[in-house]
Protein backbone atom coordinates (compact mmCIF):
# COMPACT_ATOMS: atom_id res chain seq x y z
CA UNK A 1 0.00 0.00 0.00
CA UNK A 2 3.04 2.20 0.26
CA UNK A 3 3.45 4.52 -2.72
CA UNK A 4 -0.21 4.37 -3.70
CA UNK A 5 -0.45 8.16 -3.45
CA UNK A 6 2.10 8.55 -6.23
CA UNK A 7 0.24 6.09 -8.42
CA UNK A 8 -3.02 7.94 -7.80
CA UNK A 9 -1.37 11.26 -8.69
CA UNK A 10 0.12 9.77 -11.87
CA UNK A 11 -3.28 8.46 -12.95
CA UNK A 12 -4.92 11.83 -12.29
CA UNK A 13 -2.23 13.58 -14.32
CA UNK A 14 -2.72 11.07 -17.13
CA UNK A 15 -6.48 11.65 -17.14
CA UNK A 16 -5.90 15.42 -17.13
CA UNK A 17 -3.46 15.11 -20.02
CA UNK A 18 -5.91 13.00 -22.02
CA UNK A 19 -8.72 15.50 -21.47
CA UNK A 20 -6.39 18.38 -22.41
CA UNK A 21 -5.44 16.52 -25.60
CA UNK A 22 -9.09 15.96 -26.52
CA UNK A 23 -10.35 19.39 -25.38
CA UNK A 24 -7.46 21.88 -25.66
CA UNK A 25 -7.92 24.81 -23.31
CA UNK A 26 -5.08 27.04 -24.54
CA UNK A 27 -4.67 28.32 -28.11
CA UNK A 28 -2.67 30.96 -29.94
CA UNK A 29 -4.37 34.35 -30.12
CA UNK A 30 -4.42 35.45 -33.79
CA UNK A 31 -4.90 39.09 -32.72
CA UNK A 32 -1.49 39.03 -31.02
CA UNK A 33 0.33 39.14 -34.39
CA UNK A 34 -1.29 42.45 -35.34
CA UNK A 35 -1.43 43.91 -31.83
CA UNK A 36 1.52 43.02 -29.56
CA UNK A 37 -0.35 44.35 -26.53
CA UNK A 38 -3.00 41.64 -26.93
CA UNK A 39 -2.47 38.45 -25.00
CA UNK A 40 -0.49 35.75 -26.78
CA UNK A 41 -2.93 33.04 -25.73
CA UNK A 42 -6.66 32.54 -25.49
CA UNK A 43 -8.09 30.38 -22.74
CA UNK A 44 -11.14 28.19 -23.30
CA UNK A 45 -12.51 28.13 -19.76
CA UNK A 46 -15.13 25.36 -20.24
CA UNK A 47 -12.40 23.02 -21.53
CA UNK A 48 -10.14 24.06 -18.67
CA UNK A 49 -12.93 23.31 -16.19
CA UNK A 50 -13.57 19.92 -17.84
CA UNK A 51 -9.92 19.00 -17.30
CA UNK A 52 -10.05 20.09 -13.65
CA UNK A 53 -13.28 18.14 -13.01
CA UNK A 54 -11.85 15.00 -14.66
CA UNK A 55 -8.71 15.17 -12.52
CA UNK A 56 -10.77 15.86 -9.37
CA UNK A 57 -13.08 12.91 -10.07
CA UNK A 58 -10.09 10.64 -10.65
CA UNK A 59 -8.48 11.71 -7.36
CA UNK A 60 -11.76 11.31 -5.43
CA UNK A 61 -12.27 7.81 -6.84
CA UNK A 62 -8.68 6.83 -6.05
CA UNK A 63 -8.92 8.12 -2.48
CA UNK A 64 -12.21 6.30 -1.92
CA UNK A 65 -10.66 3.10 -3.26
CA UNK A 66 -7.62 3.55 -1.01
CA UNK A 67 -9.83 4.18 2.03
CA UNK A 68 -11.80 1.02 1.25
CA UNK A 69 -8.57 -0.97 1.10
CA UNK A 70 -7.40 0.49 4.42
CA UNK A 71 -10.73 -0.35 6.03
CA UNK A 72 -10.62 -3.93 4.70
CA UNK A 73 -7.08 -4.35 6.01
CA UNK A 74 -8.16 -2.99 9.40
CA UNK A 75 -11.05 -5.47 9.58
CA UNK A 76 -8.80 -8.37 8.52
CA UNK A 77 -6.21 -7.55 11.17
CA UNK A 78 -8.92 -7.17 13.85
CA UNK A 79 -10.38 -10.56 12.95
CA UNK A 80 -6.92 -12.14 12.97
CA UNK A 81 -6.25 -10.79 16.49
CA UNK A 82 -9.40 -12.39 17.73
C-alpha atoms as a PDB file:
ATOM      1  CA  UNK A   1       0.000   0.000   0.000  1.00  0.00           C
ATOM      2  CA  UNK A   2       3.040   2.196   0.256  1.00  0.00           C
ATOM      3  CA  UNK A   3       3.453   4.524  -2.716  1.00  0.00           C
ATOM      4  CA  UNK A   4      -0.209   4.371  -3.705  1.00  0.00           C
ATOM      5  CA  UNK A   5      -0.451   8.158  -3.455  1.00  0.00           C
ATOM      6  CA  UNK A   6       2.099   8.547  -6.226  1.00  0.00           C
ATOM      7  CA  UNK A   7       0.242   6.090  -8.422  1.00  0.00           C
ATOM      8  CA  UNK A   8      -3.020   7.944  -7.804  1.00  0.00           C
ATOM      9  CA  UNK A   9      -1.368  11.256  -8.694  1.00  0.00           C
ATOM     10  CA  UNK A  10       0.116   9.774 -11.871  1.00  0.00           C
ATOM     11  CA  UNK A  11      -3.283   8.460 -12.951  1.00  0.00           C
ATOM     12  CA  UNK A  12      -4.923  11.829 -12.291  1.00  0.00           C
ATOM     13  CA  UNK A  13      -2.226  13.581 -14.316  1.00  0.00           C
ATOM     14  CA  UNK A  14      -2.725  11.066 -17.127  1.00  0.00           C
ATOM     15  CA  UNK A  15      -6.475  11.646 -17.144  1.00  0.00           C
ATOM     16  CA  UNK A  16      -5.898  15.416 -17.135  1.00  0.00           C
ATOM     17  CA  UNK A  17      -3.459  15.109 -20.025  1.00  0.00           C
ATOM     18  CA  UNK A  18      -5.914  13.000 -22.019  1.00  0.00           C
ATOM     19  CA  UNK A  19      -8.724  15.501 -21.466  1.00  0.00           C
ATOM     20  CA  UNK A  20      -6.395  18.377 -22.410  1.00  0.00           C
ATOM     21  CA  UNK A  21      -5.437  16.522 -25.595  1.00  0.00           C
ATOM     22  CA  UNK A  22      -9.092  15.958 -26.517  1.00  0.00           C
ATOM     23  CA  UNK A  23     -10.345  19.392 -25.378  1.00  0.00           C
ATOM     24  CA  UNK A  24      -7.460  21.879 -25.662  1.00  0.00           C
ATOM     25  CA  UNK A  25      -7.923  24.814 -23.310  1.00  0.00           C
ATOM     26  CA  UNK A  26      -5.075  27.043 -24.540  1.00  0.00           C
ATOM     27  CA  UNK A  27      -4.667  28.318 -28.106  1.00  0.00           C
ATOM     28  CA  UNK A  28      -2.672  30.960 -29.944  1.00  0.00           C
ATOM     29  CA  UNK A  29      -4.374  34.353 -30.122  1.00  0.00           C
ATOM     30  CA  UNK A  30      -4.422  35.453 -33.794  1.00  0.00           C
ATOM     31  CA  UNK A  31      -4.899  39.093 -32.717  1.00  0.00           C
ATOM     32  CA  UNK A  32      -1.492  39.027 -31.019  1.00  0.00           C
ATOM     33  CA  UNK A  33       0.334  39.135 -34.389  1.00  0.00           C
ATOM     34  CA  UNK A  34      -1.292  42.448 -35.335  1.00  0.00           C
ATOM     35  CA  UNK A  35      -1.434  43.910 -31.827  1.00  0.00           C
ATOM     36  CA  UNK A  36       1.516  43.015 -29.564  1.00  0.00           C
ATOM     37  CA  UNK A  37      -0.348  44.354 -26.534  1.00  0.00           C
ATOM     38  CA  UNK A  38      -2.998  41.645 -26.932  1.00  0.00           C
ATOM     39  CA  UNK A  39      -2.466  38.453 -25.001  1.00  0.00           C
ATOM     40  CA  UNK A  40      -0.487  35.752 -26.781  1.00  0.00           C
ATOM     41  CA  UNK A  41      -2.925  33.041 -25.727  1.00  0.00           C
ATOM     42  CA  UNK A  42      -6.659  32.540 -25.494  1.00  0.00           C
ATOM     43  CA  UNK A  43      -8.087  30.380 -22.742  1.00  0.00           C
ATOM     44  CA  UNK A  44     -11.142  28.185 -23.302  1.00  0.00           C
ATOM     45  CA  UNK A  45     -12.507  28.131 -19.762  1.00  0.00           C
ATOM     46  CA  UNK A  46     -15.129  25.358 -20.241  1.00  0.00           C
ATOM     47  CA  UNK A  47     -12.401  23.020 -21.529  1.00  0.00           C
ATOM     48  CA  UNK A  48     -10.138  24.056 -18.670  1.00  0.00           C
ATOM     49  CA  UNK A  49     -12.926  23.309 -16.192  1.00  0.00           C
ATOM     50  CA  UNK A  50     -13.567  19.922 -17.836  1.00  0.00           C
ATOM     51  CA  UNK A  51      -9.919  19.004 -17.304  1.00  0.00           C
ATOM     52  CA  UNK A  52     -10.054  20.085 -13.652  1.00  0.00           C
ATOM     53  CA  UNK A  53     -13.276  18.139 -13.014  1.00  0.00           C
ATOM     54  CA  UNK A  54     -11.853  15.001 -14.655  1.00  0.00           C
ATOM     55  CA  UNK A  55      -8.715  15.165 -12.516  1.00  0.00           C
ATOM     56  CA  UNK A  56     -10.772  15.862  -9.367  1.00  0.00           C
ATOM     57  CA  UNK A  57     -13.078  12.914 -10.066  1.00  0.00           C
ATOM     58  CA  UNK A  58     -10.091  10.643 -10.647  1.00  0.00           C
ATOM     59  CA  UNK A  59      -8.479  11.710  -7.364  1.00  0.00           C
ATOM     60  CA  UNK A  60     -11.757  11.308  -5.426  1.00  0.00           C
ATOM     61  CA  UNK A  61     -12.269   7.814  -6.841  1.00  0.00           C
ATOM     62  CA  UNK A  62      -8.684   6.834  -6.053  1.00  0.00           C
ATOM     63  CA  UNK A  63      -8.923   8.122  -2.483  1.00  0.00           C
ATOM     64  CA  UNK A  64     -12.213   6.298  -1.917  1.00  0.00           C
ATOM     65  CA  UNK A  65     -10.660   3.097  -3.260  1.00  0.00           C
ATOM     66  CA  UNK A  66      -7.619   3.548  -1.015  1.00  0.00           C
ATOM     67  CA  UNK A  67      -9.826   4.184   2.033  1.00  0.00           C
ATOM     68  CA  UNK A  68     -11.798   1.016   1.253  1.00  0.00           C
ATOM     69  CA  UNK A  69      -8.566  -0.966   1.099  1.00  0.00           C
ATOM     70  CA  UNK A  70      -7.404   0.487   4.419  1.00  0.00           C
ATOM     71  CA  UNK A  71     -10.730  -0.352   6.027  1.00  0.00           C
ATOM     72  CA  UNK A  72     -10.622  -3.925   4.699  1.00  0.00           C
ATOM     73  CA  UNK A  73      -7.079  -4.347   6.012  1.00  0.00           C
ATOM     74  CA  UNK A  74      -8.160  -2.993   9.402  1.00  0.00           C
ATOM     75  CA  UNK A  75     -11.049  -5.474   9.577  1.00  0.00           C
ATOM     76  CA  UNK A  76      -8.798  -8.371   8.521  1.00  0.00           C
ATOM     77  CA  UNK A  77      -6.208  -7.549  11.168  1.00  0.00           C
ATOM     78  CA  UNK A  78      -8.921  -7.167  13.854  1.00  0.00           C
ATOM     79  CA  UNK A  79     -10.385 -10.556  12.954  1.00  0.00           C
ATOM     80  CA  UNK A  80      -6.921 -12.142  12.974  1.00  0.00           C
ATOM     81  CA  UNK A  81      -6.252 -10.787  16.487  1.00  0.00           C
ATOM     82  CA  UNK A  82      -9.401 -12.392  17.726  1.00  0.00           C
END
